[in-house]
Amino acid sequence: MKKTKYTSRFKFDRVIESVRKDNVSEVARSYGFGINLLSKWRSDFLKNGHKHFDTKTDQDVIKL
């Protein structure tokens, strides 16, 4: 069985959709992939989503 690669945009859109609907299983089923996969994407997003808003200035301050 070939492993499907999903784009980061697709993952982000599905995570946001699952948050809005508050239903992981419905979103996963509608796109034909596993609930566990979407749950992992959500977990990763909730844990690391703030990194998107990091700026170069913030990173420079951390280095100091």
PDB file of N, CA and C in Angstrom:
ATOM      1  N   MET A   1       0.837  -1.178   0.000  1.00  0.00           N
ATOM      2  CA  MET A   1       0.000   0.000   0.000  1.00  0.00           C
ATOM      3  C   MET A   1       0.883   1.243   0.000  1.00  0.00           C
ATOM      4  N   LYS A   2       0.617   2.161  -0.931  1.00  0.00           N
ATOM      5  CA  LYS A   2       1.420   3.363  -1.069  1.00  0.00           C
ATOM      6  C   LYS A   2       1.043   4.386   0.006  1.00  0.00           C
ATOM      7  N   LYS A   3       2.051   4.969   0.613  1.00  0.00           N
ATOM      8  CA  LYS A   3       1.832   5.972   1.646  1.00  0.00           C
ATOM      9  C   LYS A   3       1.523   7.314   0.977  1.00  0.00           C
ATOM     10  N   THR A   4       0.416   7.926   1.369  1.00  0.00           N
ATOM     11  CA  THR A   4       0.000   9.197   0.793  1.00  0.00           C
ATOM     12  C   THR A   4       0.722  10.341   1.494  1.00  0.00           C
ATOM     13  N   LYS A   5       1.206  11.300   0.703  1.00  0.00           N
ATOM     14  CA  LYS A   5       1.826  12.494   1.262  1.00  0.00           C
ATOM     15  C   LYS A   5       0.836  13.639   1.131  1.00  0.00           C
ATOM     16  N   TYR A   6       0.614  14.318   2.238  1.00  0.00           N
ATOM     17  CA  TYR A   6      -0.308  15.443   2.257  1.00  0.00           C
ATOM     18  C   TYR A   6       0.491  16.734   2.381  1.00  0.00           C
ATOM     19  N   THR A   7       0.027  17.778   1.702  1.00  0.00           N
ATOM     20  CA  THR A   7       0.701  19.068   1.799  1.00  0.00           C
ATOM     21  C   THR A   7       0.420  19.695   3.151  1.00  0.00           C
ATOM     22  N   SER A   8       1.274  20.604   3.535  1.00  0.00           N
ATOM     23  CA  SER A   8       1.075  21.286   4.813  1.00  0.00           C
ATOM     24  C   SER A   8      -0.221  22.097   4.789  1.00  0.00           C
ATOM     25  N   ARG A   9      -0.574  22.647   3.645  1.00  0.00           N
ATOM     26  CA  ARG A   9      -1.818  23.411   3.527  1.00  0.00           C
ATOM     27  C   ARG A   9      -3.035  22.506   3.738  1.00  0.00           C
ATOM     28  N   PHE A  10      -2.996  21.313   3.156  1.00  0.00           N
ATOM     29  CA  PHE A  10      -4.090  20.355   3.323  1.00  0.00           C
ATOM     30  C   PHE A  10      -4.233  19.985   4.798  1.00  0.00           C
ATOM     31  N   LYS A  11      -3.119  19.701   5.460  1.00  0.00           N
ATOM     32  CA  LYS A  11      -3.149  19.334   6.872  1.00  0.00           C
ATOM     33  C   LYS A  11      -3.725  20.465   7.711  1.00  0.00           C
ATOM     34  N   PHE A  12      -3.245  21.675   7.456  1.00  0.00           N
ATOM     35  CA  PHE A  12      -3.721  22.834   8.200  1.00  0.00           C
ATOM     36  C   PHE A  12      -5.225  23.025   8.014  1.00  0.00           C
ATOM     37  N   ASP A  13      -5.682  22.942   6.778  1.00  0.00           N
ATOM     38  CA  ASP A  13      -7.113  23.111   6.494  1.00  0.00           C
ATOM     39  C   ASP A  13      -7.955  22.057   7.199  1.00  0.00           C
ATOM     40  N   ARG A  14      -7.495  20.793   7.208  1.00  0.00           N
ATOM     41  CA  ARG A  14      -8.255  19.734   7.873  1.00  0.00           C
ATOM     42  C   ARG A  14      -8.261  19.930   9.385  1.00  0.00           C
ATOM     43  N   VAL A  15      -7.150  20.367   9.961  1.00  0.00           N
ATOM     44  CA  VAL A  15      -7.090  20.619  11.399  1.00  0.00           C
ATOM     45  C   VAL A  15      -8.064  21.729  11.767  1.00  0.00           C
ATOM     46  N   ILE A  16      -8.042  22.822  11.025  1.00  0.00           N
ATOM     47  CA  ILE A  16      -8.949  23.936  11.305  1.00  0.00           C
ATOM     48  C   ILE A  16     -10.395  23.495  11.144  1.00  0.00           C
ATOM     49  N   GLU A  17     -10.678  22.731  10.109  1.00  0.00           N
ATOM     50  CA  GLU A  17     -12.028  22.221   9.896  1.00  0.00           C
ATOM     51  C   GLU A  17     -12.473  21.349  11.070  1.00  0.00           C
ATOM     52  N   SER A  18     -11.566  20.497  11.558  1.00  0.00           N
ATOM     53  CA  SER A  18     -11.930  19.628  12.675  1.00  0.00           C
ATOM     54  C   SER A  18     -12.126  20.417  13.971  1.00  0.00           C
ATOM     55  N   VAL A  19     -11.396  21.505  14.128  1.00  0.00           N
ATOM     56  CA  VAL A  19     -11.579  22.353  15.308  1.00  0.00           C
ATOM     57  C   VAL A  19     -12.917  23.079  15.227  1.00  0.00           C
ATOM     58  N   ARG A  20     -13.219  23.612  14.061  1.00  0.00           N
ATOM     59  CA  ARG A  20     -14.487  24.331  13.881  1.00  0.00           C
ATOM     60  C   ARG A  20     -15.693  23.424  14.075  1.00  0.00           C
ATOM     61  N   LYS A  21     -15.629  22.227  13.507  1.00  0.00           N
ATOM     62  CA  LYS A  21     -16.742  21.277  13.628  1.00  0.00           C
ATOM     63  C   LYS A  21     -16.725  20.552  14.968  1.00  0.00           C
ATOM     64  N   ASP A  22     -15.581  20.589  15.644  1.00  0.00           N
ATOM     65  CA  ASP A  22     -15.372  19.868  16.891  1.00  0.00           C
ATOM     66  C   ASP A  22     -15.689  18.386  16.723  1.00  0.00           C
ATOM     67  N   ASN A  23     -15.242  17.841  15.566  1.00  0.00           N
ATOM     68  CA  ASN A  23     -15.516  16.441  15.272  1.00  0.00           C
ATOM     69  C   ASN A  23     -14.420  15.879  14.373  1.00  0.00           C
ATOM     70  N   VAL A  24     -13.446  15.237  14.978  1.00  0.00           N
ATOM     71  CA  VAL A  24     -12.308  14.685  14.244  1.00  0.00           C
ATOM     72  C   VAL A  24     -12.742  13.545  13.332  1.00  0.00           C
ATOM     73  N   SER A  25     -13.582  12.660  13.833  1.00  0.00           N
ATOM     74  CA  SER A  25     -13.955  11.477  13.052  1.00  0.00           C
ATOM     75  C   SER A  25     -14.737  11.842  11.799  1.00  0.00           C
ATOM     76  N   GLU A  26     -15.607  12.825  11.881  1.00  0.00           N
ATOM     77  CA  GLU A  26     -16.391  13.235  10.706  1.00  0.00           C
ATOM     78  C   GLU A  26     -15.488  13.787   9.606  1.00  0.00           C
ATOM     79  N   VAL A  27     -14.544  14.635   9.984  1.00  0.00           N
ATOM     80  CA  VAL A  27     -13.630  15.234   9.003  1.00  0.00           C
ATOM     81  C   VAL A  27     -12.731  14.164   8.396  1.00  0.00           C
ATOM     82  N   ALA A  28     -12.172  13.297   9.210  1.00  0.00           N
ATOM     83  CA  ALA A  28     -11.287  12.240   8.708  1.00  0.00           C
ATOM     84  C   ALA A  28     -12.031  11.325   7.744  1.00  0.00           C
ATOM     85  N   ARG A  29     -13.225  10.937   8.111  1.00  0.00           N
ATOM     86  CA  ARG A  29     -14.030  10.060   7.242  1.00  0.00           C
ATOM     87  C   ARG A  29     -14.360  10.731   5.911  1.00  0.00           C
ATOM     88  N   SER A  30     -14.690  12.006   5.959  1.00  0.00           N
ATOM     89  CA  SER A  30     -15.096  12.695   4.734  1.00  0.00           C
ATOM     90  C   SER A  30     -13.945  12.828   3.733  1.00  0.00           C
ATOM     91  N   TYR A  31     -12.699  12.796   4.223  1.00  0.00           N
ATOM     92  CA  TYR A  31     -11.548  12.890   3.328  1.00  0.00           C
ATOM     93  C   TYR A  31     -10.839  11.551   3.124  1.00  0.00           C
ATOM     94  N   GLY A  32     -11.315  10.522   3.780  1.00  0.00           N
ATOM     95  CA  GLY A  32     -10.802   9.184   3.531  1.00  0.00           C
ATOM     96  C   GLY A  32      -9.475   8.849   4.177  1.00  0.00           C
ATOM     97  N   PHE A  33      -9.178   9.407   5.329  1.00  0.00           N
ATOM     98  CA  PHE A  33      -7.981   8.995   6.053  1.00  0.00           C
ATOM     99  C   PHE A  33      -8.342   8.739   7.511  1.00  0.00           C
ATOM    100  N   GLY A  34      -7.399   8.205   8.256  1.00  0.00           N
ATOM    101  CA  GLY A  34      -7.676   7.739   9.604  1.00  0.00           C
ATOM    102  C   GLY A  34      -7.843   8.836  10.640  1.00  0.00           C
ATOM    103  N   ILE A  35      -8.636   8.523  11.618  1.00  0.00           N
ATOM    104  CA  ILE A  35      -8.878   9.439  12.732  1.00  0.00           C
ATOM    105  C   ILE A  35      -7.577   9.694  13.496  1.00  0.00           C
ATOM    106  N   ASN A  36      -6.772   8.655  13.663  1.00  0.00           N
ATOM    107  CA  ASN A  36      -5.507   8.808  14.389  1.00  0.00           C
ATOM    108  C   ASN A  36      -4.571   9.795  13.704  1.00  0.00           C
ATOM    109  N   LEU A  37      -4.565   9.783  12.378  1.00  0.00           N
ATOM    110  CA  LEU A  37      -3.707  10.697  11.628  1.00  0.00           C
ATOM    111  C   LEU A  37      -4.131  12.142  11.873  1.00  0.00           C
ATOM    112  N   LEU A  38      -5.414  12.413  11.764  1.00  0.00           N
ATOM    113  CA  LEU A  38      -5.911  13.766  11.991  1.00  0.00           C
ATOM    114  C   LEU A  38      -5.700  14.190  13.443  1.00  0.00           C
ATOM    115  N   SER A  39      -5.867  13.270  14.361  1.00  0.00           N
ATOM    116  CA  SER A  39      -5.623  13.577  15.778  1.00  0.00           C
ATOM    117  C   SER A  39      -4.164  13.957  16.008  1.00  0.00           C
ATOM    118  N   LYS A  40      -3.251  13.274  15.325  1.00  0.00           N
ATOM    119  CA  LYS A  40      -1.823  13.599  15.436  1.00  0.00           C
ATOM    120  C   LYS A  40      -1.557  14.991  14.883  1.00  0.00           C
ATOM    121  N   TRP A  41      -2.149  15.303  13.720  1.00  0.00           N
ATOM    122  CA  TRP A  41      -1.982  16.637  13.125  1.00  0.00           C
ATOM    123  C   TRP A  41      -2.491  17.712  14.077  1.00  0.00           C
ATOM    124  N   ARG A  42      -3.645  17.462  14.690  1.00  0.00           N
ATOM    125  CA  ARG A  42      -4.224  18.435  15.629  1.00  0.00           C
ATOM    126  C   ARG A  42      -3.306  18.624  16.833  1.00  0.00           C
ATOM    127  N   SER A  43      -2.819  17.533  17.371  1.00  0.00           N
ATOM    128  CA  SER A  43      -1.939  17.600  18.523  1.00  0.00           C
ATOM    129  C   SER A  43      -0.672  18.384  18.202  1.00  0.00           C
ATOM    130  N   ASP A  44      -0.065  18.081  17.060  1.00  0.00           N
ATOM    131  CA  ASP A  44       1.141  18.796  16.636  1.00  0.00           C
ATOM    132  C   ASP A  44       0.856  20.277  16.441  1.00  0.00           C
ATOM    133  N   PHE A  45      -0.279  20.581  15.839  1.00  0.00           N
ATOM    134  CA  PHE A  45      -0.651  21.973  15.597  1.00  0.00           C
ATOM    135  C   PHE A  45      -0.852  22.723  16.914  1.00  0.00           C
ATOM    136  N   LEU A  46      -1.559  22.113  17.842  1.00  0.00           N
ATOM    137  CA  LEU A  46      -1.832  22.778  19.110  1.00  0.00           C
ATOM    138  C   LEU A  46      -0.561  22.956  19.941  1.00  0.00           C
ATOM    139  N   LYS A  47       0.393  22.039  19.773  1.00  0.00           N
ATOM    140  CA  LYS A  47       1.643  22.123  20.515  1.00  0.00           C
ATOM    141  C   LYS A  47       2.624  23.106  19.873  1.00  0.00           C
ATOM    142  N   ASN A  48       2.673  23.157  18.543  1.00  0.00           N
ATOM    143  CA  ASN A  48       3.706  23.933  17.854  1.00  0.00           C
ATOM    144  C   ASN A  48       3.173  25.052  16.962  1.00  0.00           C
ATOM    145  N   GLY A  49       1.882  25.262  16.952  1.00  0.00           N
ATOM    146  CA  GLY A  49       1.292  26.271  16.074  1.00  0.00           C
ATOM    147  C   GLY A  49       1.798  27.676  16.326  1.00  0.00           C
ATOM    148  N   HIS A  50       2.181  27.959  17.556  1.00  0.00           N
ATOM    149  CA  HIS A  50       2.660  29.296  17.901  1.00  0.00           C
ATOM    150  C   HIS A  50       3.957  29.656  17.161  1.00  0.00           C
ATOM    151  N   LYS A  51       4.701  28.652  16.722  1.00  0.00           N
ATOM    152  CA  LYS A  51       5.976  28.904  16.044  1.00  0.00           C
ATOM    153  C   LYS A  51       5.791  29.653  14.735  1.00  0.00           C
ATOM    154  N   HIS A  52       4.622  29.545  14.163  1.00  0.00           N
ATOM    155  CA  HIS A  52       4.341  30.272  12.925  1.00  0.00           C
ATOM    156  C   HIS A  52       4.451  31.778  13.148  1.00  0.00           C
ATOM    157  N   PHE A  53       4.139  32.225  14.350  1.00  0.00           N
ATOM    158  CA  PHE A  53       4.130  33.649  14.643  1.00  0.00           C
ATOM    159  C   PHE A  53       5.464  34.173  15.161  1.00  0.00           C
ATOM    160  N   ASP A  54       6.442  33.292  15.306  1.00  0.00           N
ATOM    161  CA  ASP A  54       7.768  33.732  15.714  1.00  0.00           C
ATOM    162  C   ASP A  54       8.359  34.618  14.624  1.00  0.00           C
ATOM    163  N   THR A  55       9.010  35.667  15.038  1.00  0.00           N
ATOM    164  CA  THR A  55       9.657  36.559  14.076  1.00  0.00           C
ATOM    165  C   THR A  55      11.165  36.443  14.229  1.00  0.00           C
ATOM    166  N   LYS A  56      11.880  36.971  13.283  1.00  0.00           N
ATOM    167  CA  LYS A  56      13.335  36.942  13.359  1.00  0.00           C
ATOM    168  C   LYS A  56      13.802  37.686  14.603  1.00  0.00           C
ATOM    169  N   THR A  57      13.156  38.773  14.946  1.00  0.00           N
ATOM    170  CA  THR A  57      13.525  39.533  16.136  1.00  0.00           C
ATOM    171  C   THR A  57      13.378  38.679  17.387  1.00  0.00           C
ATOM    172  N   ASP A  58      12.286  37.942  17.488  1.00  0.00           N
ATOM    173  CA  ASP A  58      12.072  37.058  18.635  1.00  0.00           C
ATOM    174  C   ASP A  58      13.187  36.030  18.736  1.00  0.00           C
ATOM    175  N   GLN A  59      13.595  35.481  17.620  1.00  0.00           N
ATOM    176  CA  GLN A  59      14.652  34.469  17.622  1.00  0.00           C
ATOM    177  C   GLN A  59      15.986  35.078  18.031  1.00  0.00           C
ATOM    178  N   ASP A  60      16.254  36.324  17.611  1.00  0.00           N
ATOM    179  CA  ASP A  60      17.487  36.997  17.995  1.00  0.00           C
ATOM    180  C   ASP A  60      17.522  37.272  19.496  1.00  0.00           C
ATOM    181  N   VAL A  61      16.392  37.638  20.062  1.00  0.00           N
ATOM    182  CA  VAL A  61      16.319  37.914  21.493  1.00  0.00           C
ATOM    183  C   VAL A  61      16.575  36.634  22.278  1.00  0.00           C
ATOM    184  N   ILE A  62      16.042  35.522  21.804  1.00  0.00           N
ATOM    185  CA  ILE A  62      16.247  34.239  22.468  1.00  0.00           C
ATOM    186  C   ILE A  62      17.736  33.875  22.480  1.00  0.00           C
ATOM    187  N   LYS A  63      18.416  34.146  21.370  1.00  0.00           N
ATOM    188  CA  LYS A  63      19.843  33.828  21.297  1.00  0.00           C
ATOM    189  C   LYS A  63      20.653  34.628  22.310  1.00  0.00           C
ATOM    190  N   LEU A  64      20.221  35.855  22.570  1.00  0.00           N
ATOM    191  CA  LEU A  64      20.941  36.687  23.538  1.00  0.00           C
ATOM    192  C   LEU A  64      20.761  36.137  24.928  1.00  0.00           C
TER     193      LEU A  64
END
